[in-house]
């Protein structure tokens, strides 16, 4: 299904069968994990997540969020599609009811990831992940500009870990240097965070 082309819109049943086939092919190829990324529409998630879960492979659900002019979180506002946004929380709640093994926020700006995680943590008490996007895409090549510095990104990631995030990474705009900085710094941070949790009586 072409992501950026509105000239061809397949029928819903064709899309559903396509997701089922894709999930089955991933399982047959030996995939050990399926991440349902950019879950922003309940009807689409309702085709993707059941197809993925039917394989028996662990499924992670990744939500994408935006902030509207009123300062309220919504589902991700596509820069190339004129879709109407909906409030983030009820959308996420409906999608989480479909089941998953981990839930998180991804392909969301670093500034909006924290607030989205706050709302998600009130709906989900299982493992959480976060990997944000940064900068903007400059066509026609896959190039991003105005990307957050790796050390600055590390600061945001540490905040997300304090919110309960256990799995971190980077999405669009993030590169090897961002991941290297996370890898070199978070092992020590994990130990320090664990000590604080023990002192607070959260971890025994």
N, C-alpha and C. Protein backbone atom coordinates (compact mmCIF):
# COMPACT_ATOMS: atom_id res chain seq x y z
N UNK A 1 0.86 -1.18 0.00
CA UNK A 1 0.00 0.00 0.00
C UNK A 1 0.89 1.23 0.00
N UNK A 2 0.80 2.10 -1.00
CA UNK A 2 1.69 3.26 -1.07
C UNK A 2 1.39 4.25 0.04
N UNK A 3 2.43 4.58 0.80
CA UNK A 3 2.22 5.43 1.98
C UNK A 3 1.87 6.87 1.61
N UNK A 4 2.39 7.37 0.50
CA UNK A 4 2.24 8.79 0.19
C UNK A 4 1.37 9.02 -1.04
N UNK A 5 0.64 8.04 -1.48
CA UNK A 5 -0.13 8.14 -2.72
C UNK A 5 -1.60 7.90 -2.45
N UNK A 6 -2.43 8.92 -2.64
CA UNK A 6 -3.86 8.79 -2.38
C UNK A 6 -4.63 8.33 -3.61
N UNK A 7 -3.94 8.10 -4.73
CA UNK A 7 -4.64 7.71 -5.95
C UNK A 7 -5.11 6.26 -5.90
N UNK A 8 -4.43 5.44 -5.10
CA UNK A 8 -4.83 4.04 -4.97
C UNK A 8 -5.16 3.76 -3.52
N UNK A 9 -6.42 3.49 -3.24
CA UNK A 9 -6.86 3.18 -1.88
C UNK A 9 -7.51 1.80 -1.91
N UNK A 10 -6.82 0.77 -1.44
CA UNK A 10 -7.38 -0.59 -1.48
C UNK A 10 -8.56 -0.73 -0.53
N UNK A 11 -9.36 -1.75 -0.78
CA UNK A 11 -10.50 -2.03 0.08
C UNK A 11 -10.02 -2.51 1.44
N UNK A 12 -10.84 -2.25 2.46
CA UNK A 12 -10.45 -2.60 3.83
C UNK A 12 -10.09 -4.07 3.96
N UNK A 13 -10.87 -4.95 3.36
CA UNK A 13 -10.59 -6.38 3.49
C UNK A 13 -9.27 -6.75 2.83
N UNK A 14 -8.93 -6.07 1.73
CA UNK A 14 -7.65 -6.33 1.07
C UNK A 14 -6.50 -5.90 1.97
N UNK A 15 -6.67 -4.77 2.63
CA UNK A 15 -5.64 -4.29 3.55
C UNK A 15 -5.47 -5.27 4.71
N UNK A 16 -6.58 -5.71 5.27
CA UNK A 16 -6.54 -6.65 6.40
C UNK A 16 -5.83 -7.94 6.02
N UNK A 17 -6.17 -8.49 4.86
CA UNK A 17 -5.52 -9.72 4.41
C UNK A 17 -4.04 -9.50 4.14
N UNK A 18 -3.71 -8.30 3.68
CA UNK A 18 -2.30 -7.98 3.46
C UNK A 18 -1.51 -7.96 4.75
N UNK A 19 -2.09 -7.40 5.81
CA UNK A 19 -1.41 -7.39 7.11
C UNK A 19 -1.24 -8.81 7.65
N UNK A 20 -2.27 -9.63 7.48
CA UNK A 20 -2.18 -11.02 7.94
C UNK A 20 -1.06 -11.75 7.21
N UNK A 21 -0.99 -11.58 5.90
CA UNK A 21 0.04 -12.23 5.11
C UNK A 21 1.43 -11.75 5.52
N UNK A 22 1.56 -10.44 5.71
CA UNK A 22 2.86 -9.89 6.09
C UNK A 22 3.32 -10.45 7.44
N UNK A 23 2.41 -10.52 8.40
CA UNK A 23 2.76 -11.05 9.72
C UNK A 23 3.16 -12.52 9.62
N UNK A 24 2.43 -13.28 8.83
CA UNK A 24 2.76 -14.70 8.66
C UNK A 24 4.12 -14.89 8.00
N UNK A 25 4.43 -14.06 7.01
CA UNK A 25 5.72 -14.15 6.33
C UNK A 25 6.86 -13.81 7.28
N UNK A 26 6.65 -12.82 8.15
CA UNK A 26 7.68 -12.47 9.14
C UNK A 26 7.92 -13.64 10.08
N UNK A 27 6.84 -14.27 10.53
CA UNK A 27 6.97 -15.41 11.44
C UNK A 27 7.69 -16.56 10.76
N UNK A 28 7.32 -16.85 9.53
CA UNK A 28 7.95 -17.95 8.79
C UNK A 28 9.43 -17.69 8.54
N UNK A 29 9.79 -16.41 8.42
CA UNK A 29 11.19 -16.05 8.16
C UNK A 29 12.04 -16.07 9.43
N UNK A 30 11.40 -16.28 10.59
CA UNK A 30 12.15 -16.39 11.83
C UNK A 30 12.16 -15.15 12.70
N UNK A 31 11.30 -14.19 12.41
CA UNK A 31 11.24 -12.98 13.24
C UNK A 31 10.92 -13.35 14.69
N UNK A 32 11.62 -12.71 15.63
CA UNK A 32 11.41 -13.00 17.04
C UNK A 32 10.57 -11.92 17.73
N UNK A 33 10.29 -10.84 17.02
CA UNK A 33 9.55 -9.72 17.59
C UNK A 33 8.90 -8.94 16.46
N UNK A 34 7.67 -8.50 16.68
CA UNK A 34 7.00 -7.61 15.74
C UNK A 34 6.66 -6.32 16.48
N UNK A 35 7.10 -5.19 15.93
CA UNK A 35 6.76 -3.89 16.51
C UNK A 35 5.75 -3.22 15.60
N UNK A 36 4.57 -2.98 16.11
CA UNK A 36 3.54 -2.25 15.37
C UNK A 36 3.79 -0.76 15.60
N UNK A 37 4.42 -0.12 14.64
CA UNK A 37 4.84 1.27 14.81
C UNK A 37 3.79 2.27 14.33
N UNK A 38 3.89 3.47 14.88
CA UNK A 38 3.05 4.59 14.49
C UNK A 38 1.56 4.27 14.56
N UNK A 39 1.15 3.64 15.64
CA UNK A 39 -0.27 3.38 15.84
C UNK A 39 -0.95 4.71 16.17
N UNK A 40 -1.72 5.21 15.24
CA UNK A 40 -2.36 6.52 15.39
C UNK A 40 -3.83 6.50 14.99
N UNK A 41 -4.28 5.37 14.45
CA UNK A 41 -5.67 5.22 14.04
C UNK A 41 -6.19 3.88 14.55
N UNK A 42 -7.27 3.90 15.30
CA UNK A 42 -7.79 2.68 15.91
C UNK A 42 -8.19 1.66 14.85
N UNK A 43 -8.79 2.11 13.76
CA UNK A 43 -9.25 1.15 12.75
C UNK A 43 -8.09 0.43 12.08
N UNK A 44 -6.99 1.14 11.84
CA UNK A 44 -5.82 0.51 11.22
C UNK A 44 -5.13 -0.42 12.23
N UNK A 45 -4.98 0.07 13.46
CA UNK A 45 -4.38 -0.77 14.50
C UNK A 45 -5.20 -2.05 14.70
N UNK A 46 -6.51 -1.95 14.52
CA UNK A 46 -7.38 -3.10 14.68
C UNK A 46 -7.18 -4.18 13.63
N UNK A 47 -6.47 -3.84 12.56
CA UNK A 47 -6.10 -4.85 11.56
C UNK A 47 -4.68 -5.35 11.77
N UNK A 48 -3.79 -4.44 12.17
CA UNK A 48 -2.37 -4.78 12.30
C UNK A 48 -2.10 -5.64 13.54
N UNK A 49 -2.57 -5.19 14.70
CA UNK A 49 -2.20 -5.85 15.95
C UNK A 49 -2.77 -7.27 16.05
N UNK A 50 -4.04 -7.51 15.74
CA UNK A 50 -4.51 -8.91 15.77
C UNK A 50 -3.74 -9.81 14.81
N UNK A 51 -3.38 -9.29 13.64
CA UNK A 51 -2.61 -10.09 12.69
C UNK A 51 -1.25 -10.45 13.26
N UNK A 52 -0.61 -9.49 13.93
CA UNK A 52 0.70 -9.74 14.53
C UNK A 52 0.59 -10.71 15.70
N UNK A 53 -0.41 -10.53 16.56
CA UNK A 53 -0.55 -11.38 17.74
C UNK A 53 -0.92 -12.82 17.37
N UNK A 54 -1.58 -12.99 16.25
CA UNK A 54 -1.97 -14.34 15.82
C UNK A 54 -0.76 -15.22 15.51
N UNK A 55 0.40 -14.61 15.27
CA UNK A 55 1.61 -15.39 14.97
C UNK A 55 2.20 -16.04 16.21
N UNK A 56 1.85 -15.53 17.40
CA UNK A 56 2.44 -16.04 18.63
C UNK A 56 3.75 -15.37 18.98
N UNK A 57 4.23 -14.49 18.12
CA UNK A 57 5.47 -13.75 18.37
C UNK A 57 5.15 -12.57 19.29
N UNK A 58 6.07 -12.19 20.21
CA UNK A 58 5.83 -11.00 21.03
C UNK A 58 5.56 -9.77 20.16
N UNK A 59 4.61 -8.96 20.57
CA UNK A 59 4.22 -7.77 19.82
C UNK A 59 4.36 -6.54 20.70
N UNK A 60 5.09 -5.55 20.22
CA UNK A 60 5.19 -4.27 20.89
C UNK A 60 4.35 -3.26 20.11
N UNK A 61 3.62 -2.41 20.83
CA UNK A 61 2.79 -1.40 20.20
C UNK A 61 3.41 -0.02 20.42
N UNK A 62 3.76 0.63 19.31
CA UNK A 62 4.37 1.96 19.38
C UNK A 62 3.41 3.04 18.94
N UNK A 63 3.15 3.99 19.83
CA UNK A 63 2.24 5.10 19.54
C UNK A 63 3.03 6.33 19.09
N UNK A 64 2.44 7.10 18.18
CA UNK A 64 3.03 8.36 17.74
C UNK A 64 2.07 9.49 18.10
N UNK A 65 2.63 10.59 18.62
CA UNK A 65 1.78 11.67 19.12
C UNK A 65 2.24 13.03 18.62
N UNK A 66 1.31 13.97 18.62
CA UNK A 66 1.58 15.37 18.31
C UNK A 66 0.94 16.22 19.40
N UNK A 67 1.31 17.51 19.43
CA UNK A 67 0.72 18.45 20.36
C UNK A 67 0.01 19.52 19.54
N UNK A 68 -1.29 19.73 19.80
CA UNK A 68 -2.00 20.74 19.02
C UNK A 68 -1.76 22.14 19.58
N UNK A 69 -2.32 23.13 18.92
CA UNK A 69 -2.09 24.53 19.30
C UNK A 69 -2.63 24.85 20.69
N UNK A 70 -3.57 24.05 21.16
CA UNK A 70 -4.15 24.27 22.49
C UNK A 70 -3.32 23.61 23.58
N UNK A 71 -2.24 22.91 23.19
CA UNK A 71 -1.39 22.25 24.17
C UNK A 71 -1.89 20.89 24.60
N UNK A 72 -2.77 20.28 23.79
CA UNK A 72 -3.29 18.95 24.11
C UNK A 72 -2.67 17.91 23.19
N UNK A 73 -2.41 16.73 23.74
CA UNK A 73 -1.84 15.65 22.95
C UNK A 73 -2.89 15.05 22.02
N UNK A 74 -2.47 14.80 20.78
CA UNK A 74 -3.32 14.13 19.81
C UNK A 74 -2.54 12.98 19.19
N UNK A 75 -3.22 12.19 18.38
CA UNK A 75 -2.48 11.21 17.60
C UNK A 75 -1.57 11.96 16.64
N UNK A 76 -0.61 11.25 16.06
CA UNK A 76 0.40 11.90 15.22
C UNK A 76 -0.25 12.60 14.04
N UNK A 77 0.12 13.86 13.84
CA UNK A 77 -0.40 14.65 12.73
C UNK A 77 0.53 14.51 11.54
N UNK A 78 0.09 13.82 10.52
CA UNK A 78 0.92 13.55 9.35
C UNK A 78 1.20 14.83 8.58
N UNK A 79 2.48 15.07 8.20
CA UNK A 79 2.80 16.26 7.41
C UNK A 79 2.39 16.14 5.95
N UNK A 80 2.00 14.94 5.52
CA UNK A 80 1.67 14.74 4.10
C UNK A 80 0.23 14.31 3.87
N UNK A 81 -0.53 14.12 4.95
CA UNK A 81 -1.93 13.72 4.81
C UNK A 81 -2.80 14.68 5.60
N UNK A 82 -3.90 15.09 5.01
CA UNK A 82 -4.80 16.05 5.64
C UNK A 82 -5.83 15.30 6.49
N UNK A 83 -5.32 14.56 7.47
CA UNK A 83 -6.21 13.78 8.34
C UNK A 83 -6.63 14.60 9.55
N UNK A 84 -7.80 14.32 10.05
CA UNK A 84 -8.28 14.96 11.27
C UNK A 84 -7.68 14.24 12.47
N UNK A 85 -7.10 15.00 13.39
CA UNK A 85 -6.48 14.37 14.56
C UNK A 85 -7.54 14.07 15.62
N UNK A 86 -7.19 13.15 16.52
CA UNK A 86 -8.07 12.78 17.62
C UNK A 86 -7.26 12.83 18.91
N UNK A 87 -7.90 12.99 20.06
CA UNK A 87 -7.16 13.02 21.33
C UNK A 87 -6.34 11.74 21.52
N UNK A 88 -5.14 11.91 22.05
CA UNK A 88 -4.21 10.78 22.18
C UNK A 88 -4.70 9.72 23.15
N UNK A 89 -5.14 10.14 24.32
CA UNK A 89 -5.43 9.17 25.38
C UNK A 89 -6.50 8.14 25.01
N UNK A 90 -7.70 8.56 24.57
CA UNK A 90 -8.71 7.54 24.24
C UNK A 90 -8.29 6.66 23.07
N UNK A 91 -7.54 7.23 22.12
CA UNK A 91 -7.04 6.42 21.01
C UNK A 91 -6.11 5.34 21.54
N UNK A 92 -5.16 5.73 22.41
CA UNK A 92 -4.21 4.77 22.96
C UNK A 92 -4.92 3.72 23.81
N UNK A 93 -5.92 4.15 24.57
CA UNK A 93 -6.66 3.21 25.42
C UNK A 93 -7.35 2.14 24.59
N UNK A 94 -7.97 2.56 23.49
CA UNK A 94 -8.65 1.60 22.61
C UNK A 94 -7.67 0.62 21.99
N UNK A 95 -6.51 1.12 21.57
CA UNK A 95 -5.52 0.25 20.93
C UNK A 95 -4.91 -0.72 21.94
N UNK A 96 -4.65 -0.25 23.16
CA UNK A 96 -4.06 -1.12 24.18
C UNK A 96 -4.97 -2.29 24.52
N UNK A 97 -6.27 -2.11 24.38
CA UNK A 97 -7.21 -3.20 24.66
C UNK A 97 -7.03 -4.37 23.70
N UNK A 98 -6.33 -4.13 22.59
CA UNK A 98 -6.07 -5.20 21.62
C UNK A 98 -4.96 -6.13 22.09
N UNK A 99 -4.22 -5.71 23.11
CA UNK A 99 -3.17 -6.53 23.69
C UNK A 99 -1.80 -6.29 23.07
N UNK A 100 -0.76 -6.40 23.89
CA UNK A 100 0.62 -6.30 23.43
C UNK A 100 1.53 -6.74 24.58
N UNK A 101 2.80 -6.91 24.27
CA UNK A 101 3.78 -7.33 25.27
C UNK A 101 4.57 -6.15 25.82
N UNK A 102 4.62 -5.06 25.08
CA UNK A 102 5.25 -3.82 25.54
C UNK A 102 4.59 -2.69 24.77
N UNK A 103 4.57 -1.51 25.38
CA UNK A 103 3.97 -0.35 24.73
C UNK A 103 4.90 0.84 24.90
N UNK A 104 4.86 1.74 23.93
CA UNK A 104 5.76 2.88 24.02
C UNK A 104 5.39 3.99 23.07
N UNK A 105 6.26 4.99 23.05
CA UNK A 105 6.08 6.17 22.20
C UNK A 105 7.26 6.25 21.25
N UNK A 106 6.98 6.37 19.96
CA UNK A 106 8.04 6.41 18.96
C UNK A 106 7.62 7.35 17.82
N UNK A 107 8.59 7.70 16.97
CA UNK A 107 8.33 8.63 15.86
C UNK A 107 7.52 9.82 16.35
N UNK A 108 7.97 10.37 17.47
CA UNK A 108 7.34 11.53 18.11
C UNK A 108 8.47 12.48 18.49
N UNK A 109 8.25 13.78 18.41
CA UNK A 109 9.32 14.73 18.74
C UNK A 109 9.79 14.52 20.18
N UNK A 110 11.04 14.88 20.44
CA UNK A 110 11.58 14.71 21.79
C UNK A 110 10.77 15.51 22.80
N UNK A 111 10.20 16.64 22.38
CA UNK A 111 9.44 17.48 23.30
C UNK A 111 8.09 16.87 23.65
N UNK A 112 7.52 16.11 22.74
CA UNK A 112 6.20 15.53 22.97
C UNK A 112 6.24 14.11 23.51
N UNK A 113 7.41 13.49 23.46
CA UNK A 113 7.52 12.10 23.92
C UNK A 113 7.23 11.96 25.41
N UNK A 114 7.81 12.85 26.22
CA UNK A 114 7.59 12.79 27.67
C UNK A 114 6.12 12.90 28.05
N UNK A 115 5.41 13.94 27.56
CA UNK A 115 3.98 14.03 27.87
C UNK A 115 3.18 12.82 27.40
N UNK A 116 3.54 12.28 26.23
CA UNK A 116 2.83 11.09 25.73
C UNK A 116 3.09 9.89 26.63
N UNK A 117 4.33 9.76 27.13
CA UNK A 117 4.65 8.67 28.04
C UNK A 117 3.87 8.80 29.34
N UNK A 118 3.69 10.03 29.80
CA UNK A 118 2.93 10.25 31.03
C UNK A 118 1.51 9.71 30.88
N UNK A 119 0.87 10.04 29.76
CA UNK A 119 -0.50 9.56 29.54
C UNK A 119 -0.51 8.04 29.34
N UNK A 120 0.49 7.54 28.62
CA UNK A 120 0.53 6.10 28.36
C UNK A 120 0.71 5.32 29.66
N UNK A 121 1.56 5.84 30.57
CA UNK A 121 1.83 5.12 31.82
C UNK A 121 0.60 5.04 32.71
N UNK A 122 -0.36 5.93 32.50
CA UNK A 122 -1.60 5.88 33.26
C UNK A 122 -2.57 4.83 32.71
N UNK A 123 -2.27 4.34 31.51
CA UNK A 123 -3.12 3.34 30.87
C UNK A 123 -2.48 1.96 30.84
N UNK A 124 -1.16 1.91 31.03
CA UNK A 124 -0.40 0.67 30.80
C UNK A 124 0.61 0.49 31.92
N UNK A 125 0.65 -0.71 32.53
CA UNK A 125 1.59 -0.97 33.61
C UNK A 125 2.63 -2.01 33.24
N UNK A 126 2.73 -2.32 31.96
CA UNK A 126 3.74 -3.28 31.51
C UNK A 126 5.01 -2.58 31.05
N UNK A 127 5.92 -3.32 30.40
CA UNK A 127 7.17 -2.73 29.90
C UNK A 127 6.89 -1.59 28.92
N UNK A 128 7.71 -0.52 29.03
CA UNK A 128 7.54 0.64 28.15
C UNK A 128 8.83 0.94 27.40
N UNK A 129 8.68 1.50 26.20
CA UNK A 129 9.84 1.88 25.40
C UNK A 129 9.63 3.28 24.84
N UNK A 130 10.73 3.88 24.37
CA UNK A 130 10.66 5.20 23.75
C UNK A 130 11.82 5.38 22.78
N UNK A 131 11.50 5.80 21.58
CA UNK A 131 12.54 6.23 20.64
C UNK A 131 11.96 7.34 19.77
N UNK A 132 12.49 8.55 19.99
CA UNK A 132 11.93 9.76 19.39
C UNK A 132 12.53 10.06 18.03
N UNK A 133 11.87 10.98 17.33
CA UNK A 133 12.41 11.51 16.08
C UNK A 133 12.94 12.92 16.34
N UNK A 134 13.73 13.43 15.39
CA UNK A 134 14.25 14.79 15.54
C UNK A 134 14.58 15.36 14.17
N UNK A 135 14.47 16.68 14.05
CA UNK A 135 14.79 17.34 12.80
C UNK A 135 13.66 17.25 11.78
N UNK A 136 13.99 17.64 10.56
CA UNK A 136 13.01 17.56 9.49
C UNK A 136 13.64 17.01 8.23
N UNK A 137 12.83 16.33 7.46
CA UNK A 137 13.26 15.62 6.26
C UNK A 137 13.44 16.60 5.11
N UNK A 138 14.58 16.51 4.43
CA UNK A 138 14.86 17.35 3.27
C UNK A 138 14.87 16.47 2.02
N UNK A 139 13.83 16.55 1.18
CA UNK A 139 13.80 15.72 -0.02
C UNK A 139 14.81 16.23 -1.06
N UNK A 140 15.17 15.41 -2.06
CA UNK A 140 14.61 14.09 -2.35
C UNK A 140 15.36 12.96 -1.66
N UNK A 141 16.51 13.25 -1.06
CA UNK A 141 17.30 12.21 -0.41
C UNK A 141 16.88 12.05 1.04
N UNK A 142 17.18 10.89 1.62
CA UNK A 142 16.79 10.61 3.00
C UNK A 142 17.75 11.33 3.94
N UNK A 143 17.56 12.65 4.05
CA UNK A 143 18.46 13.49 4.84
C UNK A 143 17.64 14.33 5.80
N UNK A 144 18.14 14.43 7.04
CA UNK A 144 17.46 15.22 8.06
C UNK A 144 18.35 16.38 8.50
N UNK A 145 17.72 17.51 8.80
CA UNK A 145 18.43 18.68 9.29
C UNK A 145 17.85 19.11 10.63
N UNK A 146 18.63 19.94 11.37
CA UNK A 146 18.21 20.45 12.68
C UNK A 146 17.93 19.31 13.66
N UNK A 147 18.85 18.36 13.70
CA UNK A 147 18.71 17.19 14.58
C UNK A 147 19.26 17.51 15.97
N UNK A 148 18.64 17.01 17.00
CA UNK A 148 19.10 17.21 18.36
C UNK A 148 20.48 16.60 18.56
N UNK A 149 21.32 17.27 19.35
CA UNK A 149 22.67 16.76 19.63
C UNK A 149 22.57 15.49 20.47
N UNK A 150 23.48 14.54 20.28
CA UNK A 150 23.42 13.27 21.01
C UNK A 150 23.36 13.43 22.53
N UNK A 151 24.17 14.33 23.09
CA UNK A 151 24.16 14.50 24.55
C UNK A 151 22.85 15.12 25.03
N UNK A 152 22.28 16.00 24.23
CA UNK A 152 20.98 16.57 24.59
C UNK A 152 19.90 15.48 24.56
N UNK A 153 19.99 14.61 23.57
CA UNK A 153 19.03 13.50 23.48
C UNK A 153 19.16 12.58 24.69
N UNK A 154 20.40 12.35 25.11
CA UNK A 154 20.64 11.53 26.30
C UNK A 154 19.89 12.09 27.50
N UNK A 155 19.89 13.42 27.63
CA UNK A 155 19.18 14.04 28.75
C UNK A 155 17.69 13.73 28.72
N UNK A 156 17.09 13.80 27.55
CA UNK A 156 15.67 13.46 27.43
C UNK A 156 15.43 11.99 27.76
N UNK A 157 16.31 11.12 27.25
CA UNK A 157 16.13 9.68 27.49
C UNK A 157 16.19 9.37 28.98
N UNK A 158 17.08 10.04 29.69
CA UNK A 158 17.17 9.82 31.14
C UNK A 158 15.86 10.21 31.83
N UNK A 159 15.25 11.29 31.37
CA UNK A 159 13.95 11.68 31.93
C UNK A 159 12.90 10.61 31.66
N UNK A 160 12.92 10.06 30.46
CA UNK A 160 11.94 9.02 30.12
C UNK A 160 12.15 7.77 30.96
N UNK A 161 13.41 7.46 31.25
CA UNK A 161 13.68 6.29 32.09
C UNK A 161 13.14 6.50 33.49
N UNK A 162 13.20 7.73 33.97
CA UNK A 162 12.63 8.02 35.29
C UNK A 162 11.10 7.88 35.26
N UNK A 163 10.51 7.98 34.07
CA UNK A 163 9.07 7.80 33.92
C UNK A 163 8.69 6.33 33.81
N UNK A 164 9.70 5.46 33.81
CA UNK A 164 9.42 4.03 33.76
C UNK A 164 9.83 3.33 32.49
N UNK A 165 10.40 4.07 31.54
CA UNK A 165 10.82 3.46 30.27
C UNK A 165 12.01 2.54 30.50
N UNK A 166 11.96 1.36 29.90
CA UNK A 166 13.03 0.37 30.04
C UNK A 166 13.77 0.09 28.74
N UNK A 167 13.18 0.46 27.61
CA UNK A 167 13.76 0.18 26.29
C UNK A 167 13.85 1.50 25.53
N UNK A 168 15.05 1.86 25.06
CA UNK A 168 15.24 3.16 24.40
C UNK A 168 15.98 2.99 23.08
N UNK A 169 15.88 4.01 22.25
CA UNK A 169 16.57 3.99 20.97
C UNK A 169 16.34 5.31 20.25
N UNK A 170 16.39 5.29 18.93
CA UNK A 170 16.19 6.50 18.15
C UNK A 170 15.40 6.19 16.89
N UNK A 171 14.62 7.17 16.44
CA UNK A 171 13.83 7.01 15.22
C UNK A 171 14.38 7.96 14.16
N UNK A 172 13.54 8.48 13.30
CA UNK A 172 13.98 9.30 12.18
C UNK A 172 14.82 10.49 12.64
N UNK A 173 15.94 10.69 11.95
CA UNK A 173 16.85 11.78 12.29
C UNK A 173 17.96 11.35 13.22
N UNK A 174 17.74 10.35 14.03
CA UNK A 174 18.77 9.87 14.95
C UNK A 174 19.73 8.96 14.19
N UNK A 175 21.01 9.04 14.56
CA UNK A 175 22.01 8.25 13.86
C UNK A 175 22.87 7.44 14.80
N UNK A 176 23.93 6.82 14.28
CA UNK A 176 24.81 5.98 15.09
C UNK A 176 25.40 6.70 16.29
N UNK A 177 25.69 8.00 16.15
CA UNK A 177 26.29 8.73 17.27
C UNK A 177 25.32 8.85 18.44
N UNK A 178 24.05 9.05 18.14
CA UNK A 178 23.05 9.12 19.21
C UNK A 178 23.00 7.79 19.98
N UNK A 179 23.02 6.69 19.25
CA UNK A 179 22.95 5.37 19.88
C UNK A 179 24.24 5.09 20.65
N UNK A 180 25.38 5.51 20.11
CA UNK A 180 26.65 5.29 20.81
C UNK A 180 26.64 6.01 22.15
N UNK A 181 26.18 7.25 22.19
CA UNK A 181 26.14 8.02 23.44
C UNK A 181 25.20 7.35 24.44
N UNK A 182 24.06 6.87 23.98
CA UNK A 182 23.14 6.17 24.88
C UNK A 182 23.81 4.92 25.44
N UNK A 183 24.46 4.17 24.58
CA UNK A 183 25.09 2.91 24.98
C UNK A 183 26.20 3.14 26.00
N UNK A 184 26.97 4.21 25.81
CA UNK A 184 28.11 4.47 26.68
C UNK A 184 27.71 5.05 28.03
N UNK A 185 26.53 5.64 28.11
CA UNK A 185 26.15 6.33 29.34
C UNK A 185 25.05 5.66 30.15
N UNK A 186 24.23 4.86 29.53
CA UNK A 186 23.05 4.38 30.24
C UNK A 186 23.30 3.20 31.16
N UNK A 187 24.39 2.46 30.96
CA UNK A 187 24.69 1.36 31.89
C UNK A 187 24.94 1.92 33.28
N UNK A 188 25.71 3.00 33.36
CA UNK A 188 25.98 3.64 34.65
C UNK A 188 24.69 4.24 35.19
N UNK A 189 23.91 4.85 34.31
CA UNK A 189 22.65 5.47 34.73
C UNK A 189 21.70 4.41 35.29
N UNK A 190 21.67 3.24 34.68
CA UNK A 190 20.79 2.17 35.16
C UNK A 190 21.12 1.81 36.60
N UNK A 191 22.42 1.71 36.91
CA UNK A 191 22.84 1.35 38.27
C UNK A 191 22.44 2.43 39.26
N UNK A 192 22.64 3.69 38.87
CA UNK A 192 22.29 4.79 39.76
C UNK A 192 20.78 4.85 39.98
N UNK A 193 20.03 4.65 38.91
CA UNK A 193 18.57 4.66 39.02
C UNK A 193 18.09 3.52 39.91
N UNK A 194 18.69 2.34 39.77
CA UNK A 194 18.30 1.19 40.58
C UNK A 194 18.56 1.47 42.06
N UNK A 195 19.70 2.10 42.38
CA UNK A 195 19.99 2.41 43.78
C UNK A 195 18.94 3.35 44.36
N UNK A 196 18.52 4.35 43.56
CA UNK A 196 17.51 5.29 44.05
C UNK A 196 16.17 4.58 44.26
N UNK A 197 15.84 3.67 43.35
CA UNK A 197 14.58 2.94 43.49
C UNK A 197 14.59 2.05 44.72
N UNK A 198 15.75 1.45 45.02
CA UNK A 198 15.88 0.60 46.21
C UNK A 198 15.71 1.45 47.46
N UNK A 199 16.38 2.62 47.49
CA UNK A 199 16.27 3.50 48.66
C UNK A 199 14.83 3.97 48.86
N UNK A 200 14.11 4.14 47.75
CA UNK A 200 12.73 4.61 47.84
C UNK A 200 11.76 3.49 48.17
N UNK A 201 12.26 2.25 48.23
CA UNK A 201 11.41 1.12 48.54
C UNK A 201 10.59 0.63 47.38
N UNK A 202 10.89 1.15 46.15
CA UNK A 202 10.13 0.72 44.97
C UNK A 202 10.63 -0.62 44.48
N UNK A 203 11.95 -0.84 44.59
CA UNK A 203 12.56 -2.11 44.21
C UNK A 203 13.20 -2.71 45.45
N UNK A 204 12.93 -3.98 45.76
CA UNK A 204 13.47 -4.63 46.95
C UNK A 204 14.60 -5.56 46.58
